[in-house]
N, C-alpha and C. Protein backbone atom coordinates (compact mmCIF):
# COMPACT_ATOMS: atom_id res chain seq x y z
N UNK A 1 0.85 -1.21 0.10
CA UNK A 1 0.31 -0.54 0.48
C UNK A 1 0.75 1.47 -0.49
N UNK A 2 2.13 1.40 0.78
CA UNK A 2 3.00 2.60 1.18
C UNK A 2 3.60 2.41 -0.41
N UNK A 3 4.00 1.42 -1.17
CA UNK A 3 4.86 1.61 -2.43
C UNK A 3 3.59 2.01 -3.25
N UNK A 4 2.74 2.22 -3.38
CA UNK A 4 1.17 2.47 -3.97
C UNK A 4 1.56 4.55 -3.91
N UNK A 5 1.32 4.52 -2.59
CA UNK A 5 0.97 5.81 -2.23
C UNK A 5 2.55 6.56 -2.29
N UNK A 6 3.73 5.91 -2.67
CA UNK A 6 5.13 6.36 -3.27
C UNK A 6 5.03 6.98 -4.04
N UNK A 7 4.42 5.91 -4.92
CA UNK A 7 4.56 6.08 -6.40
C UNK A 7 3.89 7.11 -7.35
N UNK A 8 2.44 6.93 -6.57
CA UNK A 8 1.50 7.89 -6.69
C UNK A 8 2.02 9.48 -6.57
N UNK A 9 3.03 9.52 -5.78
CA UNK A 9 3.13 11.02 -5.13
C UNK A 9 4.04 11.23 -6.00
N UNK A 10 5.30 10.29 -6.60
CA UNK A 10 6.18 10.91 -7.82
C UNK A 10 5.30 11.08 -8.63
N UNK A 11 4.13 10.52 -8.85
CA UNK A 11 3.89 10.55 -10.86
C UNK A 11 3.10 11.93 -10.36
N UNK A 12 2.31 12.47 -9.69
CA UNK A 12 1.75 13.78 -9.13
C UNK A 12 2.99 14.64 -9.18
N UNK A 13 4.25 14.48 -8.36
CA UNK A 13 4.77 15.53 -8.51
C UNK A 13 5.61 15.96 -10.57
N UNK A 14 5.55 14.97 -10.79
CA UNK A 14 5.71 14.65 -12.17
C UNK A 14 4.84 15.38 -12.88
N UNK A 15 3.71 14.99 -13.16
CA UNK A 15 2.40 15.71 -13.41
C UNK A 15 2.53 16.95 -13.30
N UNK A 16 3.34 17.69 -12.26
CA UNK A 16 2.66 19.22 -11.91
C UNK A 16 4.13 20.02 -12.93
N UNK A 17 4.78 18.95 -12.75
CA UNK A 17 6.74 19.89 -13.83
C UNK A 17 5.91 20.01 -15.17
N UNK A 18 5.12 18.84 -15.54
CA UNK A 18 4.43 19.04 -16.88
C UNK A 18 3.45 20.05 -17.26
N UNK A 19 2.58 20.27 -15.91
CA UNK A 19 1.66 20.39 -16.35
C UNK A 19 2.22 22.34 -16.00
N UNK A 20 3.07 22.59 -15.39
CA UNK A 20 3.46 23.78 -15.35
C UNK A 20 4.03 24.34 -16.41
N UNK A 21 5.00 23.61 -16.97
CA UNK A 21 5.83 23.97 -18.18
C UNK A 21 4.91 24.22 -19.62
N UNK A 22 3.35 23.30 -19.37
CA UNK A 22 2.47 23.58 -20.85
C UNK A 22 1.89 25.50 -20.08
N UNK A 23 1.41 25.41 -19.12
CA UNK A 23 1.03 26.92 -18.85
C UNK A 23 2.22 28.08 -18.77
N UNK A 24 3.34 27.56 -18.84
CA UNK A 24 4.42 28.54 -19.11
C UNK A 24 4.80 29.36 -20.53
N UNK A 25 4.48 27.88 -21.61
CA UNK A 25 4.61 27.69 -22.94
C UNK A 25 3.71 28.10 -23.75
N UNK A 26 2.57 28.11 -23.84
CA UNK A 26 0.55 29.02 -24.24
C UNK A 26 0.08 27.48 -24.26
N UNK A 27 -0.27 26.98 -22.99
CA UNK A 27 -0.30 25.71 -23.52
C UNK A 27 -0.19 24.61 -24.43
N UNK A 28 1.62 25.16 -24.59
CA UNK A 28 2.25 23.54 -25.90
C UNK A 28 3.45 22.69 -24.92
N UNK A 29 3.11 21.83 -25.18
CA UNK A 29 3.96 20.79 -24.90
C UNK A 29 5.12 20.46 -26.16
N UNK A 30 6.10 19.91 -25.64
CA UNK A 30 7.10 19.37 -27.72
C UNK A 30 6.63 17.97 -27.55
N UNK A 31 6.90 17.07 -28.66
CA UNK A 31 6.14 15.48 -28.80
C UNK A 31 6.40 15.02 -27.98
N UNK A 32 7.76 15.25 -27.56
CA UNK A 32 8.60 13.71 -26.00
C UNK A 32 7.48 14.45 -24.29
N UNK A 33 7.35 15.66 -24.58
CA UNK A 33 6.68 15.96 -23.39
C UNK A 33 5.02 15.42 -23.37
N UNK A 34 4.75 15.61 -23.96
CA UNK A 34 3.70 15.13 -24.80
C UNK A 34 3.40 13.54 -24.60
N UNK A 35 4.18 13.12 -25.14
CA UNK A 35 4.22 11.18 -24.62
C UNK A 35 4.16 10.69 -23.43
N UNK A 36 5.55 11.50 -22.46
CA UNK A 36 4.93 11.58 -21.13
C UNK A 36 4.02 11.53 -20.39
N UNK A 37 3.55 12.82 -20.74
CA UNK A 37 2.31 13.08 -20.05
C UNK A 37 1.66 12.68 -20.14
N UNK A 38 0.45 11.63 -21.67
CA UNK A 38 -0.34 10.74 -21.87
C UNK A 38 0.28 9.28 -20.79
N UNK A 39 1.79 8.94 -20.90
CA UNK A 39 1.85 7.74 -20.35
C UNK A 39 2.07 8.14 -18.78
N UNK A 40 2.59 9.29 -17.94
CA UNK A 40 2.50 9.65 -16.43
C UNK A 40 0.98 9.68 -16.34
N UNK A 41 0.03 9.55 -17.22
CA UNK A 41 -1.57 9.95 -16.96
C UNK A 41 -1.98 8.66 -16.64
N UNK A 42 -2.04 8.03 -17.63
CA UNK A 42 -2.42 6.33 -17.44
C UNK A 42 -1.75 5.43 -16.65
N UNK A 43 -0.19 5.72 -15.94
CA UNK A 43 -0.22 5.30 -14.92
C UNK A 43 -0.55 5.87 -13.73
N UNK A 44 -0.56 7.40 -13.42
CA UNK A 44 -1.37 7.80 -12.07
C UNK A 44 -2.75 7.66 -11.88
N UNK A 45 -3.72 7.13 -12.99
CA UNK A 45 -4.61 6.89 -13.09
C UNK A 45 -4.89 5.69 -12.70
N UNK A 46 -4.24 4.72 -13.00
CA UNK A 46 -4.07 2.75 -13.23
C UNK A 46 -3.41 3.09 -11.07
N UNK A 47 -2.85 3.56 -11.07
CA UNK A 47 -2.01 2.70 -9.34
C UNK A 47 -3.88 3.50 -8.50
N UNK A 48 -4.34 4.66 -8.75
CA UNK A 48 -5.07 5.10 -7.99
C UNK A 48 -6.20 4.49 -8.28
N UNK A 49 -6.78 3.72 -9.13
CA UNK A 49 -7.84 2.69 -9.04
C UNK A 49 -7.00 1.58 -8.50
N UNK A 50 -6.09 1.09 -8.09
CA UNK A 50 -5.55 -0.18 -7.46
C UNK A 50 -5.90 0.05 -6.01
N UNK A 51 -5.30 1.13 -5.42
CA UNK A 51 -5.03 1.67 -4.28
C UNK A 51 -6.86 1.73 -4.47
N UNK A 52 -7.67 2.43 -4.42
CA UNK A 52 -8.84 2.29 -3.98
C UNK A 52 -9.44 1.08 -3.89
N UNK A 53 -8.71 0.14 -5.13
CA UNK A 53 -9.51 -1.05 -4.74
C UNK A 53 -9.08 -2.22 -3.53
N UNK A 54 -7.68 -1.72 -3.54
CA UNK A 54 -6.67 -2.49 -2.25
C UNK A 54 -7.63 -1.89 -1.00
N UNK A 55 -7.82 -0.61 -1.19
CA UNK A 55 -8.11 0.37 0.34
C UNK A 55 -9.88 -0.42 0.63
N UNK A 56 -10.61 -0.64 -0.32
CA UNK A 56 -11.49 -1.41 -0.08
C UNK A 56 -12.07 -2.40 0.02
N UNK A 57 -10.96 -3.40 -0.02
CA UNK A 57 -11.09 -4.91 0.40
C UNK A 57 -10.72 -5.34 2.05
């Protein structure tokens, strides 16, 4: 459980960095950053859903 929370926390930090990058760049990210953003969002939602499942069991 702790591992999930740690991983989610790291993902959240990275997503904030990407979000701020985007805000500072007129809503634009380069292709690599966009790819990373999508991948990190996928991971974030998968982990949070797994965590919810674990908590409810």
